[in-house]
Protein backbone atom coordinates (compact mmCIF):
# COMPACT_ATOMS: atom_id res chain seq x y z
CA UNK A 1 72.92 79.53 155.62
CA UNK A 2 74.82 82.80 155.72
CA UNK A 3 73.28 86.11 154.75
CA UNK A 4 74.92 89.44 153.91
CA UNK A 5 73.27 92.31 155.75
CA UNK A 6 72.87 95.50 153.73
CA UNK A 7 71.77 98.47 155.76
CA UNK A 8 72.69 102.02 156.72
CA UNK A 9 75.59 102.60 159.08
CA UNK A 10 74.78 103.78 162.59
CA UNK A 11 77.05 106.41 164.10
CA UNK A 12 77.24 107.88 167.57
CA UNK A 13 76.08 111.32 166.40
CA UNK A 14 72.76 109.94 165.15
CA UNK A 15 71.77 108.39 168.48
CA UNK A 16 69.34 109.82 171.01
CA UNK A 17 70.85 111.20 174.21
CA UNK A 18 69.51 108.34 176.30
CA UNK A 19 68.66 104.71 175.48
CA UNK A 20 64.89 104.80 175.97
CA UNK A 21 64.62 107.52 173.34
CA UNK A 22 66.72 105.47 170.95
CA UNK A 23 64.67 102.36 171.74
CA UNK A 24 61.48 104.26 170.91
CA UNK A 25 62.93 105.16 167.49
CA UNK A 26 63.97 101.61 166.69
CA UNK A 27 60.75 100.12 168.04
CA UNK A 28 58.80 102.43 165.74
CA UNK A 29 61.01 101.39 162.81
CA UNK A 30 60.37 97.70 163.57
CA UNK A 31 56.61 98.26 163.76
CA UNK A 32 56.55 100.26 160.52
CA UNK A 33 58.60 97.52 158.82
CA UNK A 34 55.86 95.04 159.85
CA UNK A 35 58.22 92.95 161.96
CA UNK A 36 56.04 90.22 163.47
CA UNK A 37 55.35 91.08 167.12
CA UNK A 38 58.12 93.68 167.53
CA UNK A 39 57.37 93.69 171.26
CA UNK A 40 58.39 90.02 171.57
CA UNK A 41 61.57 89.75 173.62
CA UNK A 42 63.67 86.96 175.06
CA UNK A 43 63.87 87.32 178.84
CA UNK A 44 66.91 85.63 180.38
CA UNK A 45 67.09 85.03 184.13
CA UNK A 46 69.34 82.98 186.39
CA UNK A 47 68.94 81.17 189.68
CA UNK A 48 71.08 82.18 192.66
CA UNK A 49 73.50 79.36 191.82
CA UNK A 50 73.91 80.66 188.26
CA UNK A 51 71.68 78.30 186.26
CA UNK A 52 70.25 80.35 183.35
CA UNK A 53 66.84 80.10 181.72
CA UNK A 54 65.16 82.03 178.94
CA UNK A 55 61.79 82.41 177.29
CA UNK A 56 59.93 84.75 174.94
CA UNK A 57 57.66 87.30 176.60
CA UNK A 58 55.73 90.29 175.24
CA UNK A 59 56.81 93.78 176.25
CA UNK A 60 53.71 95.66 177.37
CA UNK A 61 55.02 99.09 178.39
CA UNK A 62 58.19 101.12 178.18
CA UNK A 63 59.09 104.62 179.27
CA UNK A 64 61.90 106.44 181.04
CA UNK A 65 61.48 104.13 184.03
CA UNK A 66 62.24 100.96 182.04
CA UNK A 67 60.63 97.97 180.31
CA UNK A 68 57.53 96.23 181.70
CA UNK A 69 56.16 92.73 181.15
CA UNK A 70 53.60 90.69 183.08
CA UNK A 71 53.86 87.20 184.48
CA UNK A 72 52.85 84.79 187.20
CA UNK A 73 55.19 85.60 190.10
CA UNK A 74 55.27 81.89 191.00
CA UNK A 75 56.56 80.93 187.53
CA UNK A 76 60.19 79.95 187.04
CA UNK A 77 61.15 83.44 185.86
CA UNK A 78 59.17 85.03 188.68
CA UNK A 79 60.88 82.90 191.31
CA UNK A 80 64.33 83.42 189.79
CA UNK A 81 63.87 87.19 189.61
CA UNK A 82 62.71 87.28 193.23
CA UNK A 83 65.93 85.54 194.27
CA UNK A 84 68.27 87.15 191.70
CA UNK A 85 66.97 90.39 190.14
CA UNK A 86 69.60 90.66 187.41
CA UNK A 87 68.03 90.12 183.99
CA UNK A 88 68.70 90.43 180.27
CA UNK A 89 66.23 91.25 177.49
CA UNK A 90 66.78 90.62 173.79
CA UNK A 91 64.64 92.06 170.98
CA UNK A 92 65.48 89.99 167.85
CA UNK A 93 64.28 92.05 164.90
CA UNK A 94 65.75 89.76 162.22
CA UNK A 95 63.86 91.14 159.17
CA UNK A 96 65.56 94.53 159.60
CA UNK A 97 68.89 93.07 160.80
CA UNK A 98 68.65 94.67 164.21
CA UNK A 99 68.82 93.59 167.81
CA UNK A 100 68.46 95.45 171.09
CA UNK A 101 70.05 93.88 174.15
CA UNK A 102 69.19 95.18 177.62
CA UNK A 103 70.79 94.31 180.92
CA UNK A 104 69.39 95.59 184.17
CA UNK A 105 67.57 94.93 187.40
CA UNK A 106 64.00 93.69 187.76
CA UNK A 107 61.41 94.58 190.38
CA UNK A 108 57.65 94.24 190.72
CA UNK A 109 55.46 97.16 189.75
CA UNK A 110 52.70 98.48 192.02
CA UNK A 111 49.42 96.59 192.36
CA UNK A 112 47.47 99.57 191.04
CA UNK A 113 49.49 99.48 187.80
CA UNK A 114 49.01 95.72 187.58
CA UNK A 115 45.25 95.99 188.11
CA UNK A 116 44.90 98.69 185.46
CA UNK A 117 46.69 96.56 182.90
CA UNK A 118 44.88 93.34 183.90
CA UNK A 119 41.51 94.96 183.30
CA UNK A 120 42.60 96.01 179.82
CA UNK A 121 43.28 92.39 178.82
CA UNK A 122 40.74 90.32 176.87
CA UNK A 123 38.33 88.37 179.09
CA UNK A 124 39.83 85.04 178.03
CA UNK A 125 43.35 86.16 178.93
CA UNK A 126 42.14 87.23 182.36
CA UNK A 127 40.70 83.77 182.94
CA UNK A 128 43.88 82.16 181.62
CA UNK A 129 45.96 83.96 184.24
CA UNK A 130 43.89 82.17 186.90
CA UNK A 131 43.70 78.80 185.14
CA UNK A 132 47.44 78.35 184.62
CA UNK A 133 49.78 77.75 187.55
CA UNK A 134 52.63 78.74 185.27
CA UNK A 135 55.72 76.50 185.18
CA UNK A 136 54.17 73.80 187.40
CA UNK A 137 53.63 70.22 186.20
CA UNK A 138 50.07 69.40 185.10
CA UNK A 139 48.65 65.97 184.36
CA UNK A 140 47.02 66.70 181.00
CA UNK A 141 45.67 69.31 178.63
CA UNK A 142 42.19 68.19 179.69
CA UNK A 143 42.93 69.26 183.28
CA UNK A 144 43.97 72.73 182.10
CA UNK A 145 40.84 73.03 179.93
CA UNK A 146 38.68 71.92 182.87
CA UNK A 147 40.14 74.65 185.09
CA UNK A 148 39.46 77.22 182.40
CA UNK A 149 35.86 76.02 181.88
CA UNK A 150 35.17 76.28 185.63
CA UNK A 151 36.46 79.85 185.67
CA UNK A 152 34.47 80.70 182.56
CA UNK A 153 31.31 79.52 184.31
CA UNK A 154 32.19 81.50 187.47
CA UNK A 155 33.09 84.69 185.62
CA UNK A 156 31.07 84.90 182.38
CA UNK A 157 31.82 87.52 179.75
CA UNK A 158 30.98 90.98 181.08
CA UNK A 159 31.64 90.14 184.72
CA UNK A 160 34.77 91.58 186.32
CA UNK A 161 37.52 89.05 186.96
CA UNK A 162 39.62 89.76 190.07
CA UNK A 163 43.36 90.21 189.63
CA UNK A 164 45.21 87.04 190.68
CA UNK A 165 47.39 87.79 193.72
CA UNK A 166 50.30 85.83 192.24
CA UNK A 167 50.18 87.67 188.90
CA UNK A 168 51.60 91.08 188.04
CA UNK A 169 54.09 93.30 186.30
CA UNK A 170 57.87 93.27 186.30
CA UNK A 171 59.82 96.41 185.45
CA UNK A 172 63.37 96.07 184.16
CA UNK A 173 65.44 99.16 184.90
CA UNK A 174 68.37 99.15 182.45
CA UNK A 175 72.01 99.77 183.30
CA UNK A 176 73.19 99.02 179.75
CA UNK A 177 71.39 98.92 176.38
CA UNK A 178 73.11 97.75 173.19
CA UNK A 179 71.83 98.62 169.73
CA UNK A 180 73.06 96.13 167.13
CA UNK A 181 72.78 96.77 163.38
CA UNK A 182 73.89 94.10 160.93
CA UNK A 183 76.23 95.01 158.04
CA UNK A 184 78.17 93.39 155.22
CA UNK A 185 81.15 91.15 155.99
CA UNK A 186 80.04 90.84 159.59
CA UNK A 187 81.26 94.37 160.31
CA UNK A 188 78.18 95.14 162.36
CA UNK A 189 77.51 98.31 164.35
CA UNK A 190 77.28 97.69 168.10
CA UNK A 191 76.63 100.83 170.10
CA UNK A 192 76.04 100.41 173.81
CA UNK A 193 74.67 102.91 176.32
CA UNK A 194 76.20 102.41 179.78
CA UNK A 195 74.94 104.11 182.94
CA UNK A 196 77.70 105.62 185.06
CA UNK A 197 77.17 107.98 188.00
CA UNK A 198 73.62 108.65 186.89
CA UNK A 199 74.57 109.59 183.32
CA UNK A 200 74.52 107.64 180.09
CA UNK A 201 77.60 107.32 177.91
CA UNK A 202 77.88 105.51 174.56
CA UNK A 203 80.63 103.09 173.62
CA UNK A 204 81.24 101.19 170.40
CA UNK A 205 81.91 97.46 170.54
CA UNK A 206 83.74 95.35 167.98
CA UNK A 207 81.26 93.13 166.13
């Protein structure tokens, strides 16, 4: 189950000056290559005693300030990030033999930003954010469906759903971003932006 990667080499001269610009280029490439859900990323967190956990989450925004996703703050990842803000993101774009790996620090975004995004979500997703006490044990699927049905009756389509107080955005501010491009014979390109004294520098890693 081994595959030879055949792709163009990536050199330091071809990179953007800062990682968010380079991420925008590669994200566009992944979307144009029809990678399924190119905004899907693995979010890895850890508890204060070092126990790791990971899950796939959808990236919803990115700009010079960092990468934003939304979650229930009482979920496992929400609780772990509140206690230990260090986080890693992985974008696994397998069809184009690329990965982007981000390490950084997470913090909650403002409630105004959260509310603006929440209101842009489909009605059903808004109700789902209320129905699910994410990461908690529930007795059955029927109980979850019952919660949703009650909310659907309370807030029918067309009626504004309030933003759950325990739900909102997380922004990951990067301190390092690695761009990984697969090549033949496992001689992959690994170019990593590292933030030092407020400036980004690029280093090459052995594959």
